[in-house]
N, C-alpha and C. Protein backbone atom coordinates (compact mmCIF):
# COMPACT_ATOMS: atom_id res chain seq x y z
N MET A 1 89.85 -11.54 -81.29
CA MET A 1 88.92 -12.61 -81.48
C MET A 1 88.07 -12.31 -82.71
N ASN A 2 87.91 -13.29 -83.57
CA ASN A 2 87.11 -13.16 -84.77
C ASN A 2 85.85 -14.01 -84.65
N ILE A 3 84.73 -13.44 -85.04
CA ILE A 3 83.47 -14.20 -85.08
C ILE A 3 83.45 -14.96 -86.39
N ILE A 4 83.34 -16.27 -86.31
CA ILE A 4 83.34 -17.08 -87.53
C ILE A 4 81.95 -17.58 -87.88
N GLU A 5 81.06 -17.71 -86.89
CA GLU A 5 79.67 -18.09 -87.14
C GLU A 5 78.80 -17.39 -86.11
N GLU A 6 77.57 -17.07 -86.51
CA GLU A 6 76.64 -16.42 -85.59
C GLU A 6 75.25 -16.97 -85.83
N TYR A 7 74.51 -17.24 -84.77
CA TYR A 7 73.17 -17.80 -84.87
C TYR A 7 72.21 -17.01 -83.99
N SER A 8 70.97 -16.96 -84.40
CA SER A 8 69.93 -16.33 -83.58
C SER A 8 68.86 -17.37 -83.29
N ILE A 9 68.48 -17.46 -82.02
CA ILE A 9 67.43 -18.39 -81.61
C ILE A 9 66.53 -17.68 -80.60
N ASP A 10 65.32 -18.18 -80.45
CA ASP A 10 64.41 -17.73 -79.40
C ASP A 10 64.25 -18.87 -78.41
N ILE A 11 64.27 -18.54 -77.14
CA ILE A 11 64.05 -19.53 -76.08
C ILE A 11 62.75 -19.17 -75.38
N ARG A 12 61.82 -20.11 -75.36
CA ARG A 12 60.52 -19.90 -74.72
C ARG A 12 60.34 -20.91 -73.61
N VAL A 13 60.06 -20.40 -72.42
CA VAL A 13 59.81 -21.28 -71.28
C VAL A 13 58.30 -21.48 -71.17
N THR A 14 57.89 -22.74 -71.02
CA THR A 14 56.48 -23.07 -70.89
C THR A 14 56.21 -23.57 -69.47
N ALA A 15 54.96 -23.47 -69.04
CA ALA A 15 54.59 -23.92 -67.69
C ALA A 15 53.28 -24.69 -67.77
N GLU A 16 53.19 -25.70 -66.94
CA GLU A 16 51.97 -26.49 -66.83
C GLU A 16 51.61 -26.57 -65.35
N GLN A 17 50.39 -26.21 -65.03
CA GLN A 17 49.96 -26.21 -63.64
C GLN A 17 49.18 -27.48 -63.33
N GLY A 18 49.36 -27.96 -62.12
CA GLY A 18 48.67 -29.16 -61.68
C GLY A 18 48.57 -29.18 -60.16
N GLU A 19 48.32 -30.36 -59.62
CA GLU A 19 48.23 -30.53 -58.17
C GLU A 19 49.07 -31.72 -57.75
N ASN A 20 49.63 -31.63 -56.56
CA ASN A 20 50.37 -32.79 -56.03
C ASN A 20 49.39 -33.75 -55.35
N ASP A 21 49.90 -34.78 -54.72
CA ASP A 21 49.06 -35.80 -54.09
C ASP A 21 48.22 -35.25 -52.94
N TYR A 22 48.63 -34.11 -52.39
CA TYR A 22 47.92 -33.52 -51.26
C TYR A 22 46.97 -32.40 -51.69
N GLY A 23 46.85 -32.17 -52.98
CA GLY A 23 45.94 -31.15 -53.49
C GLY A 23 46.53 -29.76 -53.59
N TYR A 24 47.81 -29.62 -53.30
CA TYR A 24 48.45 -28.31 -53.42
C TYR A 24 48.84 -28.04 -54.87
N PRO A 25 48.74 -26.77 -55.28
CA PRO A 25 49.11 -26.45 -56.67
C PRO A 25 50.61 -26.63 -56.92
N THR A 26 50.93 -27.13 -58.08
CA THR A 26 52.33 -27.29 -58.49
C THR A 26 52.48 -26.72 -59.89
N GLU A 27 53.70 -26.45 -60.25
CA GLU A 27 53.98 -25.97 -61.60
C GLU A 27 55.23 -26.67 -62.11
N ARG A 28 55.15 -27.16 -63.32
CA ARG A 28 56.29 -27.80 -63.99
C ARG A 28 56.62 -26.97 -65.22
N TYR A 29 57.91 -26.93 -65.56
CA TYR A 29 58.38 -26.07 -66.64
C TYR A 29 59.00 -26.88 -67.77
N GLY A 30 58.80 -26.38 -68.98
CA GLY A 30 59.41 -26.93 -70.17
C GLY A 30 60.07 -25.80 -70.94
N CYS A 31 60.60 -26.13 -72.12
CA CYS A 31 61.31 -25.10 -72.88
C CYS A 31 61.29 -25.46 -74.37
N ASP A 32 61.06 -24.45 -75.20
CA ASP A 32 61.16 -24.60 -76.65
C ASP A 32 62.27 -23.69 -77.15
N ILE A 33 63.07 -24.20 -78.07
CA ILE A 33 64.08 -23.38 -78.74
C ILE A 33 63.69 -23.33 -80.21
N ILE A 34 63.55 -22.12 -80.73
CA ILE A 34 63.02 -21.89 -82.07
C ILE A 34 64.00 -21.02 -82.85
N ASN A 35 64.17 -21.32 -84.14
CA ASN A 35 65.04 -20.46 -84.95
C ASN A 35 64.26 -19.23 -85.40
N THR A 36 64.91 -18.32 -86.09
CA THR A 36 64.27 -17.06 -86.47
C THR A 36 63.19 -17.24 -87.53
N ASP A 37 63.13 -18.41 -88.17
CA ASP A 37 62.06 -18.70 -89.12
C ASP A 37 60.84 -19.32 -88.45
N GLY A 38 60.91 -19.52 -87.14
CA GLY A 38 59.79 -20.11 -86.40
C GLY A 38 59.82 -21.63 -86.35
N GLU A 39 60.90 -22.23 -86.84
CA GLU A 39 61.02 -23.68 -86.83
C GLU A 39 61.47 -24.16 -85.45
N LEU A 40 60.76 -25.15 -84.92
CA LEU A 40 61.10 -25.71 -83.62
C LEU A 40 62.36 -26.54 -83.74
N LEU A 41 63.39 -26.18 -82.97
CA LEU A 41 64.64 -26.93 -82.96
C LEU A 41 64.66 -27.94 -81.83
N VAL A 42 64.17 -27.53 -80.65
CA VAL A 42 64.12 -28.40 -79.48
C VAL A 42 62.83 -28.10 -78.73
N GLY A 43 62.15 -29.13 -78.31
CA GLY A 43 60.94 -28.98 -77.50
C GLY A 43 61.02 -29.88 -76.28
N ILE A 44 61.02 -29.30 -75.11
CA ILE A 44 61.10 -30.05 -73.85
C ILE A 44 59.74 -29.94 -73.16
N GLU A 45 59.13 -31.08 -72.86
CA GLU A 45 57.83 -31.11 -72.18
C GLU A 45 57.96 -30.53 -70.77
N PRO A 46 56.89 -29.93 -70.25
CA PRO A 46 56.94 -29.40 -68.88
C PRO A 46 57.05 -30.54 -67.84
N GLU A 47 58.27 -30.78 -67.39
CA GLU A 47 58.50 -31.82 -66.39
C GLU A 47 59.57 -31.42 -65.37
N TYR A 48 60.04 -30.18 -65.44
CA TYR A 48 61.11 -29.73 -64.56
C TYR A 48 60.57 -28.80 -63.48
N LYS A 49 61.20 -28.84 -62.30
CA LYS A 49 60.73 -28.06 -61.16
C LYS A 49 61.09 -26.58 -61.25
N THR A 50 62.13 -26.24 -62.03
CA THR A 50 62.55 -24.84 -62.16
C THR A 50 62.70 -24.47 -63.63
N THR A 51 62.60 -23.18 -63.90
CA THR A 51 62.80 -22.71 -65.27
C THR A 51 64.24 -22.94 -65.70
N PHE A 52 65.17 -22.75 -64.76
CA PHE A 52 66.58 -22.96 -65.07
C PHE A 52 66.83 -24.39 -65.55
N ALA A 53 66.27 -25.37 -64.86
CA ALA A 53 66.47 -26.77 -65.24
C ALA A 53 65.89 -27.06 -66.62
N ALA A 54 64.76 -26.47 -66.95
CA ALA A 54 64.14 -26.69 -68.25
C ALA A 54 64.99 -26.09 -69.38
N VAL A 55 65.46 -24.86 -69.18
CA VAL A 55 66.30 -24.20 -70.19
C VAL A 55 67.62 -24.94 -70.33
N ARG A 56 68.20 -25.35 -69.23
CA ARG A 56 69.47 -26.09 -69.26
C ARG A 56 69.33 -27.37 -70.09
N GLN A 57 68.27 -28.12 -69.86
CA GLN A 57 68.07 -29.37 -70.60
C GLN A 57 67.86 -29.10 -72.09
N ALA A 58 67.12 -28.05 -72.43
CA ALA A 58 66.90 -27.71 -73.83
C ALA A 58 68.21 -27.34 -74.51
N LEU A 59 69.05 -26.58 -73.82
CA LEU A 59 70.34 -26.19 -74.40
C LEU A 59 71.27 -27.40 -74.56
N ILE A 60 71.19 -28.33 -73.63
CA ILE A 60 71.99 -29.56 -73.77
C ILE A 60 71.55 -30.32 -75.01
N CYS A 61 70.24 -30.35 -75.26
CA CYS A 61 69.72 -31.08 -76.42
C CYS A 61 70.04 -30.39 -77.75
N LEU A 62 70.33 -29.11 -77.68
CA LEU A 62 70.62 -28.35 -78.90
C LEU A 62 72.05 -28.68 -79.36
N THR A 63 72.16 -29.35 -80.47
CA THR A 63 73.48 -29.75 -80.97
C THR A 63 73.95 -28.77 -82.03
N LYS A 64 75.19 -28.91 -82.42
CA LYS A 64 75.74 -28.05 -83.46
C LYS A 64 74.98 -28.22 -84.77
N ASP A 65 74.50 -29.42 -85.05
CA ASP A 65 73.71 -29.65 -86.27
C ASP A 65 72.43 -28.83 -86.23
N ASN A 66 71.79 -28.73 -85.07
CA ASN A 66 70.59 -27.92 -84.93
C ASN A 66 70.91 -26.45 -85.14
N LEU A 67 72.06 -26.00 -84.63
CA LEU A 67 72.43 -24.60 -84.77
C LEU A 67 72.62 -24.21 -86.22
N LYS A 68 73.06 -25.13 -87.06
CA LYS A 68 73.22 -24.81 -88.48
C LYS A 68 71.88 -24.45 -89.11
N ASN A 69 70.78 -25.03 -88.59
CA ASN A 69 69.44 -24.71 -89.10
C ASN A 69 68.94 -23.37 -88.59
N ALA A 70 69.58 -22.83 -87.57
CA ALA A 70 69.12 -21.56 -86.97
C ALA A 70 69.56 -20.35 -87.77
N ALA A 71 70.51 -20.51 -88.66
CA ALA A 71 71.05 -19.36 -89.40
C ALA A 71 70.07 -18.84 -90.36
């Protein structure tokens, strides 16, 4: 197997705390994907119930065109 392209990115999970209708604390998660120059490639607002769901959605949004900017 030959490596033909390689990219480096940082994935940052964000959290926003709030309360539900009953006054119990809740937490929603978002995700930012940043290239090595610090440029934001994808930013997902904190609206997901799990960190996995937030990262998954950010990776789905990351297209091959975005990856070209990560080099």
